[in-house]
Amino acid sequence: MLRIIESFGCKNIERSLFIGITFYQSNPASQQEHITRRKYFTRSCALSDRISRIYSDSLEETVKNLLQSLGKLNRPYLTAVEEKLLRVLELDSPAHY
């Protein structure tokens, strides 16, 4: 028997796409898989939220391209260099002031 465990969502940098996630569990053995997926999507949404807070049409083209590239990553984490780049952009963004 399947049952809904939880659902949540986040937006991409264009703020137009809502990603809804619902987890189902058929037996207790799948609980670890649920926890792993939950961590993955939570980290993905946190990264998407960070990027969305600083993204705007008024940014320089290079900065927009970098943020778009980071938003399209197929992993829920940043490398050390990617993290440094995003932190610099966060500190320099008007949303930080």
N, C-alpha and C. Protein backbone atom coordinates (compact mmCIF):
# COMPACT_ATOMS: atom_id res chain seq x y z
N MET A 1 0.84 -1.18 0.00
CA MET A 1 0.00 0.00 0.00
C MET A 1 0.88 1.25 0.00
N LEU A 2 0.58 2.17 -0.87
CA LEU A 2 1.32 3.43 -0.94
C LEU A 2 0.62 4.48 -0.09
N ARG A 3 1.41 5.33 0.50
CA ARG A 3 0.84 6.44 1.26
C ARG A 3 1.70 7.67 1.07
N ILE A 4 1.10 8.81 1.18
CA ILE A 4 1.84 10.07 1.03
C ILE A 4 2.59 10.34 2.32
N ILE A 5 3.87 10.64 2.19
CA ILE A 5 4.68 10.97 3.36
C ILE A 5 4.75 12.49 3.51
N GLU A 6 5.09 13.17 2.45
CA GLU A 6 5.15 14.63 2.50
C GLU A 6 5.26 15.18 1.09
N SER A 7 5.00 16.45 0.95
CA SER A 7 5.22 17.11 -0.33
C SER A 7 5.72 18.52 -0.06
N PHE A 8 6.53 19.01 -0.94
CA PHE A 8 7.04 20.37 -0.84
C PHE A 8 7.50 20.79 -2.22
N GLY A 9 7.97 21.99 -2.36
CA GLY A 9 8.40 22.46 -3.66
C GLY A 9 9.31 23.65 -3.55
N CYS A 10 9.88 24.00 -4.69
CA CYS A 10 10.72 25.19 -4.77
C CYS A 10 10.65 25.72 -6.19
N LYS A 11 11.11 26.93 -6.37
CA LYS A 11 11.07 27.57 -7.68
C LYS A 11 12.47 27.65 -8.26
N ASN A 12 12.52 27.68 -9.59
CA ASN A 12 13.82 27.85 -10.24
C ASN A 12 14.15 29.34 -10.35
N ILE A 13 15.27 29.68 -10.96
CA ILE A 13 15.69 31.08 -10.99
C ILE A 13 14.78 31.98 -11.79
N GLU A 14 14.02 31.41 -12.72
CA GLU A 14 13.08 32.25 -13.46
C GLU A 14 11.80 32.48 -12.65
N ARG A 15 11.70 31.80 -11.49
CA ARG A 15 10.56 31.91 -10.59
C ARG A 15 9.24 31.50 -11.24
N SER A 16 9.32 30.76 -12.34
CA SER A 16 8.10 30.39 -13.02
C SER A 16 7.79 28.91 -12.91
N LEU A 17 8.77 28.11 -12.57
CA LEU A 17 8.58 26.67 -12.52
C LEU A 17 8.54 26.21 -11.07
N PHE A 18 7.44 25.64 -10.68
CA PHE A 18 7.30 25.12 -9.33
C PHE A 18 7.54 23.63 -9.36
N ILE A 19 8.42 23.17 -8.53
CA ILE A 19 8.76 21.75 -8.49
C ILE A 19 8.09 21.15 -7.27
N GLY A 20 7.08 20.34 -7.49
CA GLY A 20 6.40 19.69 -6.37
C GLY A 20 6.89 18.27 -6.22
N ILE A 21 7.22 17.89 -5.03
CA ILE A 21 7.73 16.55 -4.78
C ILE A 21 6.84 15.89 -3.74
N THR A 22 6.41 14.69 -4.03
CA THR A 22 5.65 13.91 -3.07
C THR A 22 6.32 12.56 -2.92
N PHE A 23 6.56 12.15 -1.71
CA PHE A 23 7.20 10.88 -1.46
C PHE A 23 6.16 9.84 -1.06
N TYR A 24 6.33 8.65 -1.57
CA TYR A 24 5.46 7.54 -1.23
C TYR A 24 6.29 6.44 -0.60
N GLN A 25 5.68 5.70 0.29
CA GLN A 25 6.38 4.62 0.95
C GLN A 25 5.46 3.41 0.99
N SER A 26 5.94 2.28 0.53
CA SER A 26 5.11 1.08 0.52
C SER A 26 5.41 0.16 1.69
N ASN A 27 6.61 0.28 2.26
CA ASN A 27 6.96 -0.56 3.41
C ASN A 27 8.09 0.11 4.18
N PRO A 28 8.32 -0.34 5.42
CA PRO A 28 9.38 0.28 6.23
C PRO A 28 10.77 0.17 5.63
N ALA A 29 11.03 -0.82 4.78
CA ALA A 29 12.35 -0.97 4.18
C ALA A 29 12.71 0.19 3.27
N SER A 30 11.71 0.87 2.74
CA SER A 30 11.98 1.99 1.84
C SER A 30 12.18 3.32 2.58
N GLN A 31 12.16 3.28 3.89
CA GLN A 31 12.31 4.51 4.67
C GLN A 31 13.68 5.16 4.45
N GLN A 32 14.75 4.37 4.36
CA GLN A 32 16.07 4.93 4.13
C GLN A 32 16.14 5.63 2.77
N GLU A 33 15.51 5.03 1.76
CA GLU A 33 15.46 5.65 0.44
C GLU A 33 14.71 6.98 0.51
N HIS A 34 13.64 7.02 1.27
CA HIS A 34 12.88 8.27 1.46
C HIS A 34 13.76 9.35 2.08
N ILE A 35 14.52 8.98 3.12
CA ILE A 35 15.39 9.94 3.79
C ILE A 35 16.45 10.46 2.83
N THR A 36 17.04 9.57 2.04
CA THR A 36 18.05 9.97 1.06
C THR A 36 17.47 10.93 0.03
N ARG A 37 16.30 10.61 -0.50
CA ARG A 37 15.66 11.51 -1.49
C ARG A 37 15.32 12.85 -0.86
N ARG A 38 14.81 12.82 0.37
CA ARG A 38 14.43 14.05 1.06
C ARG A 38 15.64 14.97 1.21
N LYS A 39 16.78 14.42 1.61
CA LYS A 39 18.00 15.22 1.75
C LYS A 39 18.41 15.81 0.40
N TYR A 40 18.35 15.00 -0.65
CA TYR A 40 18.72 15.45 -1.98
C TYR A 40 17.85 16.64 -2.42
N PHE A 41 16.53 16.49 -2.32
CA PHE A 41 15.64 17.56 -2.77
C PHE A 41 15.67 18.77 -1.85
N THR A 42 15.90 18.57 -0.57
CA THR A 42 16.02 19.70 0.35
C THR A 42 17.24 20.53 -0.02
N ARG A 43 18.36 19.87 -0.29
CA ARG A 43 19.58 20.58 -0.68
C ARG A 43 19.41 21.26 -2.04
N SER A 44 18.73 20.58 -2.96
CA SER A 44 18.48 21.17 -4.28
C SER A 44 17.65 22.44 -4.15
N CYS A 45 16.62 22.40 -3.32
CA CYS A 45 15.77 23.58 -3.13
C CYS A 45 16.52 24.70 -2.42
N ALA A 46 17.36 24.35 -1.47
CA ALA A 46 18.14 25.38 -0.77
C ALA A 46 19.08 26.08 -1.75
N LEU A 47 19.70 25.32 -2.63
CA LEU A 47 20.57 25.91 -3.65
C LEU A 47 19.77 26.78 -4.59
N SER A 48 18.62 26.30 -5.02
CA SER A 48 17.76 27.07 -5.91
C SER A 48 17.30 28.37 -5.25
N ASP A 49 16.98 28.31 -3.97
CA ASP A 49 16.57 29.52 -3.24
C ASP A 49 17.70 30.54 -3.17
N ARG A 50 18.92 30.07 -2.91
CA ARG A 50 20.07 30.99 -2.86
C ARG A 50 20.26 31.70 -4.20
N ILE A 51 20.17 30.94 -5.27
CA ILE A 51 20.35 31.51 -6.61
C ILE A 51 19.22 32.48 -6.92
N SER A 52 17.99 32.11 -6.59
CA SER A 52 16.82 32.95 -6.89
C SER A 52 16.88 34.30 -6.17
N ARG A 53 17.43 34.31 -4.96
CA ARG A 53 17.49 35.56 -4.19
C ARG A 53 18.36 36.61 -4.86
N ILE A 54 19.35 36.20 -5.62
CA ILE A 54 20.25 37.18 -6.22
C ILE A 54 20.06 37.36 -7.72
N TYR A 55 19.29 36.49 -8.34
CA TYR A 55 19.10 36.57 -9.79
C TYR A 55 18.13 37.69 -10.14
N SER A 56 18.50 38.49 -11.14
CA SER A 56 17.59 39.51 -11.67
C SER A 56 17.99 39.81 -13.11
N ASP A 57 17.06 40.36 -13.85
CA ASP A 57 17.32 40.70 -15.26
C ASP A 57 18.36 41.80 -15.41
N SER A 58 18.58 42.57 -14.36
CA SER A 58 19.52 43.69 -14.45
C SER A 58 20.99 43.27 -14.23
N LEU A 59 21.22 42.02 -13.93
CA LEU A 59 22.60 41.55 -13.73
C LEU A 59 23.36 41.54 -15.04
N GLU A 60 24.68 41.59 -14.94
CA GLU A 60 25.52 41.48 -16.12
C GLU A 60 25.31 40.10 -16.74
N GLU A 61 25.48 40.03 -18.03
CA GLU A 61 25.23 38.78 -18.78
C GLU A 61 26.06 37.61 -18.24
N THR A 62 27.32 37.87 -17.92
CA THR A 62 28.20 36.81 -17.40
C THR A 62 27.67 36.27 -16.08
N VAL A 63 27.22 37.15 -15.20
CA VAL A 63 26.70 36.74 -13.90
C VAL A 63 25.41 35.93 -14.08
N LYS A 64 24.53 36.40 -14.96
CA LYS A 64 23.29 35.64 -15.23
C LYS A 64 23.61 34.26 -15.76
N ASN A 65 24.58 34.16 -16.67
CA ASN A 65 24.95 32.86 -17.23
C ASN A 65 25.52 31.93 -16.16
N LEU A 66 26.34 32.48 -15.28
CA LEU A 66 26.90 31.68 -14.19
C LEU A 66 25.78 31.15 -13.28
N LEU A 67 24.87 32.02 -12.88
CA LEU A 67 23.77 31.60 -12.02
C LEU A 67 22.88 30.57 -12.70
N GLN A 68 22.62 30.76 -13.98
CA GLN A 68 21.82 29.79 -14.71
C GLN A 68 22.53 28.44 -14.78
N SER A 69 23.83 28.46 -14.98
CA SER A 69 24.60 27.21 -15.01
C SER A 69 24.56 26.50 -13.66
N LEU A 70 24.72 27.26 -12.59
CA LEU A 70 24.64 26.66 -11.25
C LEU A 70 23.25 26.09 -10.99
N GLY A 71 22.23 26.76 -11.50
CA GLY A 71 20.86 26.29 -11.30
C GLY A 71 20.52 25.04 -12.09
N LYS A 72 21.30 24.76 -13.11
CA LYS A 72 21.04 23.58 -13.95
C LYS A 72 21.87 22.37 -13.55
N LEU A 73 22.66 22.49 -12.50
CA LEU A 73 23.49 21.37 -12.07
C LEU A 73 22.62 20.17 -11.73
N ASN A 74 23.14 19.00 -12.02
CA ASN A 74 22.39 17.77 -11.77
C ASN A 74 22.81 17.14 -10.44
N ARG A 75 23.13 17.99 -9.49
CA ARG A 75 23.53 17.52 -8.16
C ARG A 75 23.11 18.58 -7.14
N PRO A 76 22.87 18.16 -5.91
CA PRO A 76 22.36 19.10 -4.90
C PRO A 76 23.43 19.83 -4.11
N TYR A 77 24.64 19.85 -4.61
CA TYR A 77 25.73 20.50 -3.88
C TYR A 77 26.61 21.25 -4.88
N LEU A 78 27.43 22.14 -4.34
CA LEU A 78 28.39 22.88 -5.15
C LEU A 78 29.80 22.41 -4.82
N THR A 79 30.68 22.48 -5.81
CA THR A 79 32.09 22.23 -5.53
C THR A 79 32.61 23.42 -4.73
N ALA A 80 33.81 23.30 -4.22
CA ALA A 80 34.39 24.39 -3.42
C ALA A 80 34.48 25.68 -4.24
N VAL A 81 34.88 25.58 -5.49
CA VAL A 81 35.01 26.77 -6.35
C VAL A 81 33.62 27.35 -6.65
N GLU A 82 32.66 26.50 -6.96
CA GLU A 82 31.30 26.99 -7.23
C GLU A 82 30.71 27.68 -6.01
N GLU A 83 30.96 27.11 -4.84
CA GLU A 83 30.47 27.71 -3.59
C GLU A 83 31.09 29.09 -3.37
N LYS A 84 32.38 29.23 -3.63
CA LYS A 84 33.06 30.52 -3.48
C LYS A 84 32.47 31.55 -4.44
N LEU A 85 32.27 31.14 -5.68
CA LEU A 85 31.69 32.06 -6.67
C LEU A 85 30.29 32.53 -6.24
N LEU A 86 29.47 31.59 -5.78
CA LEU A 86 28.12 31.96 -5.36
C LEU A 86 28.15 32.88 -4.14
N ARG A 87 29.04 32.60 -3.20
CA ARG A 87 29.16 33.47 -2.01
C ARG A 87 29.56 34.89 -2.39
N VAL A 88 30.49 35.03 -3.32
CA VAL A 88 30.89 36.37 -3.77
C VAL A 88 29.69 37.09 -4.38
N LEU A 89 28.94 36.40 -5.22
CA LEU A 89 27.76 37.01 -5.84
C LEU A 89 26.70 37.36 -4.79
N GLU A 90 26.54 36.50 -3.79
CA GLU A 90 25.58 36.80 -2.71
C GLU A 90 26.00 38.05 -1.93
N LEU A 91 27.28 38.16 -1.62
CA LEU A 91 27.76 39.32 -0.88
C LEU A 91 27.66 40.60 -1.68
N ASP A 92 27.74 40.49 -3.00
CA ASP A 92 27.71 41.67 -3.87
C ASP A 92 26.30 42.02 -4.34
N SER A 93 25.33 41.17 -4.02
CA SER A 93 23.98 41.42 -4.54
C SER A 93 23.23 42.44 -3.69
N PRO A 94 22.31 43.20 -4.32
CA PRO A 94 21.50 44.17 -3.57
C PRO A 94 20.67 43.53 -2.47
N ALA A 95 20.32 42.24 -2.63
CA ALA A 95 19.52 41.55 -1.61
C ALA A 95 20.31 41.38 -0.31
N HIS A 96 21.62 41.47 -0.38
CA HIS A 96 22.47 41.31 0.79
C HIS A 96 22.50 42.56 1.65
N TYR A 97 22.25 43.71 1.03
CA TYR A 97 22.37 44.99 1.76
C TYR A 97 21.16 45.29 2.58
